[in-house]
């Protein structure tokens, strides 16, 4: 696994800083994975959001309990979800939802009267 980090030396380092992946002894992503995210998303800011979404997906597994041991991913997921919201605001990457509505007009030339169907 290739891991490099020099604070703010490049786009990959910015992504690592913003997602908290700065510990060489416990890396989350390989350099090549972050580079691919930057290419795919078109910016290091978009790569930050995509990396955080991927971390949430990794943590979206069932909780585990065995005897005295309990592994619960919920608090980590919630933390990453809050971080995504903060980063979207910080980077100006607000998510919008749009729904298209098709409108037909009675005076439209293509309007056909509805057929009546016997019941």
C-alpha atoms as a PDB file:
ATOM      1  CA  UNK A   1       0.000   0.000   0.000  1.00  0.00           C
ATOM      2  CA  UNK A   2       1.461   3.336  -1.061  1.00  0.00           C
ATOM      3  CA  UNK A   3       0.820   6.162   1.382  1.00  0.00           C
ATOM      4  CA  UNK A   4       2.313   9.630   1.182  1.00  0.00           C
ATOM      5  CA  UNK A   5       1.306  12.771   3.019  1.00  0.00           C
ATOM      6  CA  UNK A   6       2.887  16.196   3.063  1.00  0.00           C
ATOM      7  CA  UNK A   7       0.410  18.774   4.390  1.00  0.00           C
ATOM      8  CA  UNK A   8      -1.107  20.712   1.480  1.00  0.00           C
ATOM      9  CA  UNK A   9       1.701  19.818  -0.938  1.00  0.00           C
ATOM     10  CA  UNK A  10      -0.817  18.724  -3.554  1.00  0.00           C
ATOM     11  CA  UNK A  11      -4.423  17.765  -4.216  1.00  0.00           C
ATOM     12  CA  UNK A  12      -4.013  14.263  -2.778  1.00  0.00           C
ATOM     13  CA  UNK A  13      -2.641  15.760   0.443  1.00  0.00           C
ATOM     14  CA  UNK A  14      -5.610  18.132   0.672  1.00  0.00           C
ATOM     15  CA  UNK A  15      -8.004  15.192   0.356  1.00  0.00           C
ATOM     16  CA  UNK A  16      -6.121  13.288   3.060  1.00  0.00           C
ATOM     17  CA  UNK A  17      -6.199  16.321   5.375  1.00  0.00           C
ATOM     18  CA  UNK A  18      -9.935  16.925   4.983  1.00  0.00           C
ATOM     19  CA  UNK A  19     -10.932  13.279   5.539  1.00  0.00           C
ATOM     20  CA  UNK A  20      -8.467  12.761   8.391  1.00  0.00           C
ATOM     21  CA  UNK A  21      -6.373  10.157   6.565  1.00  0.00           C
ATOM     22  CA  UNK A  22      -2.976  11.472   7.702  1.00  0.00           C
ATOM     23  CA  UNK A  23      -1.583   8.589   9.771  1.00  0.00           C
ATOM     24  CA  UNK A  24       0.906   6.519   7.765  1.00  0.00           C
ATOM     25  CA  UNK A  25       0.593   3.692  10.321  1.00  0.00           C
ATOM     26  CA  UNK A  26      -3.174   3.366   9.757  1.00  0.00           C
ATOM     27  CA  UNK A  27      -3.969   4.614   6.233  1.00  0.00           C
ATOM     28  CA  UNK A  28      -7.547   4.557   4.983  1.00  0.00           C
ATOM     29  CA  UNK A  29      -6.839   5.037   1.267  1.00  0.00           C
ATOM     30  CA  UNK A  30      -3.933   4.281  -1.027  1.00  0.00           C
ATOM     31  CA  UNK A  31      -2.430   7.142  -3.029  1.00  0.00           C
ATOM     32  CA  UNK A  32      -3.757   5.593  -6.239  1.00  0.00           C
ATOM     33  CA  UNK A  33      -7.310   5.473  -4.837  1.00  0.00           C
ATOM     34  CA  UNK A  34      -7.267   9.153  -3.936  1.00  0.00           C
ATOM     35  CA  UNK A  35      -5.745  10.060  -7.318  1.00  0.00           C
ATOM     36  CA  UNK A  36      -8.529   8.093  -9.031  1.00  0.00           C
ATOM     37  CA  UNK A  37     -11.177   9.898  -6.945  1.00  0.00           C
ATOM     38  CA  UNK A  38      -9.727  13.286  -7.908  1.00  0.00           C
ATOM     39  CA  UNK A  39      -9.791  12.301 -11.597  1.00  0.00           C
ATOM     40  CA  UNK A  40     -13.309  10.866 -11.357  1.00  0.00           C
ATOM     41  CA  UNK A  41     -14.814  13.765  -9.429  1.00  0.00           C
ATOM     42  CA  UNK A  42     -12.930  16.500 -11.290  1.00  0.00           C
ATOM     43  CA  UNK A  43     -11.608  18.275  -8.178  1.00  0.00           C
ATOM     44  CA  UNK A  44     -10.011  17.521  -4.853  1.00  0.00           C
ATOM     45  CA  UNK A  45     -13.095  18.969  -3.131  1.00  0.00           C
ATOM     46  CA  UNK A  46     -15.359  16.509  -4.940  1.00  0.00           C
ATOM     47  CA  UNK A  47     -12.903  13.731  -4.065  1.00  0.00           C
ATOM     48  CA  UNK A  48     -13.230  14.655  -0.363  1.00  0.00           C
ATOM     49  CA  UNK A  49     -17.010  14.210  -0.549  1.00  0.00           C
ATOM     50  CA  UNK A  50     -16.700  10.936  -2.511  1.00  0.00           C
ATOM     51  CA  UNK A  51     -14.124   9.567  -0.051  1.00  0.00           C
ATOM     52  CA  UNK A  52     -16.366  10.389   2.910  1.00  0.00           C
ATOM     53  CA  UNK A  53     -19.357   8.779   1.170  1.00  0.00           C
ATOM     54  CA  UNK A  54     -17.238   5.667   0.617  1.00  0.00           C
ATOM     55  CA  UNK A  55     -16.319   5.578   4.301  1.00  0.00           C
ATOM     56  CA  UNK A  56     -20.000   5.752   5.219  1.00  0.00           C
ATOM     57  CA  UNK A  57     -20.702   2.873   2.845  1.00  0.00           C
ATOM     58  CA  UNK A  58     -17.944   0.819   4.482  1.00  0.00           C
ATOM     59  CA  UNK A  59     -19.494   1.490   7.888  1.00  0.00           C
ATOM     60  CA  UNK A  60     -22.987   0.535   6.722  1.00  0.00           C
ATOM     61  CA  UNK A  61     -22.608  -3.052   7.815  1.00  0.00           C
ATOM     62  CA  UNK A  62     -24.508  -4.743  10.628  1.00  0.00           C
ATOM     63  CA  UNK A  63     -23.312  -4.211  14.173  1.00  0.00           C
ATOM     64  CA  UNK A  64     -21.482  -7.119  15.757  1.00  0.00           C
ATOM     65  CA  UNK A  65     -21.758  -8.542  19.263  1.00  0.00           C
ATOM     66  CA  UNK A  66     -19.853 -11.491  20.698  1.00  0.00           C
ATOM     67  CA  UNK A  67     -19.816 -12.091  24.434  1.00  0.00           C
ATOM     68  CA  UNK A  68     -18.501  -8.848  25.937  1.00  0.00           C
ATOM     69  CA  UNK A  69     -17.402  -7.339  22.608  1.00  0.00           C
ATOM     70  CA  UNK A  70     -19.765  -4.998  20.742  1.00  0.00           C
ATOM     71  CA  UNK A  71     -18.855  -3.230  17.510  1.00  0.00           C
ATOM     72  CA  UNK A  72     -21.313  -0.483  16.611  1.00  0.00           C
ATOM     73  CA  UNK A  73     -20.700   1.594  13.477  1.00  0.00           C
ATOM     74  CA  UNK A  74     -23.595   4.038  14.000  1.00  0.00           C
ATOM     75  CA  UNK A  75     -21.677   6.810  15.783  1.00  0.00           C
ATOM     76  CA  UNK A  76     -18.860   6.726  13.214  1.00  0.00           C
ATOM     77  CA  UNK A  77     -21.402   6.873  10.357  1.00  0.00           C
ATOM     78  CA  UNK A  78     -23.156   9.838  11.958  1.00  0.00           C
ATOM     79  CA  UNK A  79     -19.826  11.602  12.430  1.00  0.00           C
ATOM     80  CA  UNK A  80     -18.918  11.156   8.764  1.00  0.00           C
ATOM     81  CA  UNK A  81     -22.406  12.279   7.692  1.00  0.00           C
ATOM     82  CA  UNK A  82     -21.977  15.496   9.702  1.00  0.00           C
ATOM     83  CA  UNK A  83     -18.503  15.950   8.224  1.00  0.00           C
ATOM     84  CA  UNK A  84     -19.877  15.605   4.681  1.00  0.00           C
ATOM     85  CA  UNK A  85     -22.447  18.285   5.422  1.00  0.00           C
ATOM     86  CA  UNK A  86     -19.760  20.611   6.794  1.00  0.00           C
ATOM     87  CA  UNK A  87     -17.453  19.992   3.824  1.00  0.00           C
ATOM     88  CA  UNK A  88     -20.253  20.558   1.294  1.00  0.00           C
ATOM     89  CA  UNK A  89     -20.938  23.932   2.925  1.00  0.00           C
ATOM     90  CA  UNK A  90     -17.249  24.773   3.191  1.00  0.00           C
ATOM     91  CA  UNK A  91     -16.583  23.922  -0.464  1.00  0.00           C
ATOM     92  CA  UNK A  92     -19.870  25.352  -1.772  1.00  0.00           C
ATOM     93  CA  UNK A  93     -21.005  21.935  -3.015  1.00  0.00           C
ATOM     94  CA  UNK A  94     -24.637  22.124  -1.954  1.00  0.00           C
ATOM     95  CA  UNK A  95     -26.858  19.305  -3.169  1.00  0.00           C
ATOM     96  CA  UNK A  96     -30.038  20.266  -4.976  1.00  0.00           C
ATOM     97  CA  UNK A  97     -32.948  18.000  -5.772  1.00  0.00           C
ATOM     98  CA  UNK A  98     -34.971  18.696  -8.894  1.00  0.00           C
ATOM     99  CA  UNK A  99     -38.113  16.998 -10.146  1.00  0.00           C
ATOM    100  CA  UNK A 100     -39.490  17.482 -13.648  1.00  0.00           C
ATOM    101  CA  UNK A 101     -43.245  17.718 -14.165  1.00  0.00           C
ATOM    102  CA  UNK A 102     -44.754  17.120 -17.604  1.00  0.00           C
ATOM    103  CA  UNK A 103     -47.653  19.453 -18.310  1.00  0.00           C
ATOM    104  CA  UNK A 104     -50.136  18.856 -21.142  1.00  0.00           C
ATOM    105  CA  UNK A 105     -52.400  21.622 -22.270  1.00  0.00           C
ATOM    106  CA  UNK A 106     -55.901  21.162 -23.651  1.00  0.00           C
ATOM    107  CA  UNK A 107     -55.231  23.644 -26.457  1.00  0.00           C
ATOM    108  CA  UNK A 108     -52.074  21.792 -27.527  1.00  0.00           C
ATOM    109  CA  UNK A 109     -52.210  20.439 -31.103  1.00  0.00           C
ATOM    110  CA  UNK A 110     -51.020  17.041 -29.912  1.00  0.00           C
ATOM    111  CA  UNK A 111     -53.795  16.772 -27.301  1.00  0.00           C
ATOM    112  CA  UNK A 112     -56.033  13.758 -27.757  1.00  0.00           C
ATOM    113  CA  UNK A 113     -59.238  13.438 -25.847  1.00  0.00           C
ATOM    114  CA  UNK A 114     -59.179  10.668 -23.310  1.00  0.00           C
ATOM    115  CA  UNK A 115     -60.954   7.531 -24.421  1.00  0.00           C
ATOM    116  CA  UNK A 116     -63.735   6.307 -22.236  1.00  0.00           C
ATOM    117  CA  UNK A 117     -63.344   2.744 -21.181  1.00  0.00           C
ATOM    118  CA  UNK A 118     -66.426   0.793 -20.134  1.00  0.00           C
ATOM    119  CA  UNK A 119     -66.249  -0.670 -16.647  1.00  0.00           C
END
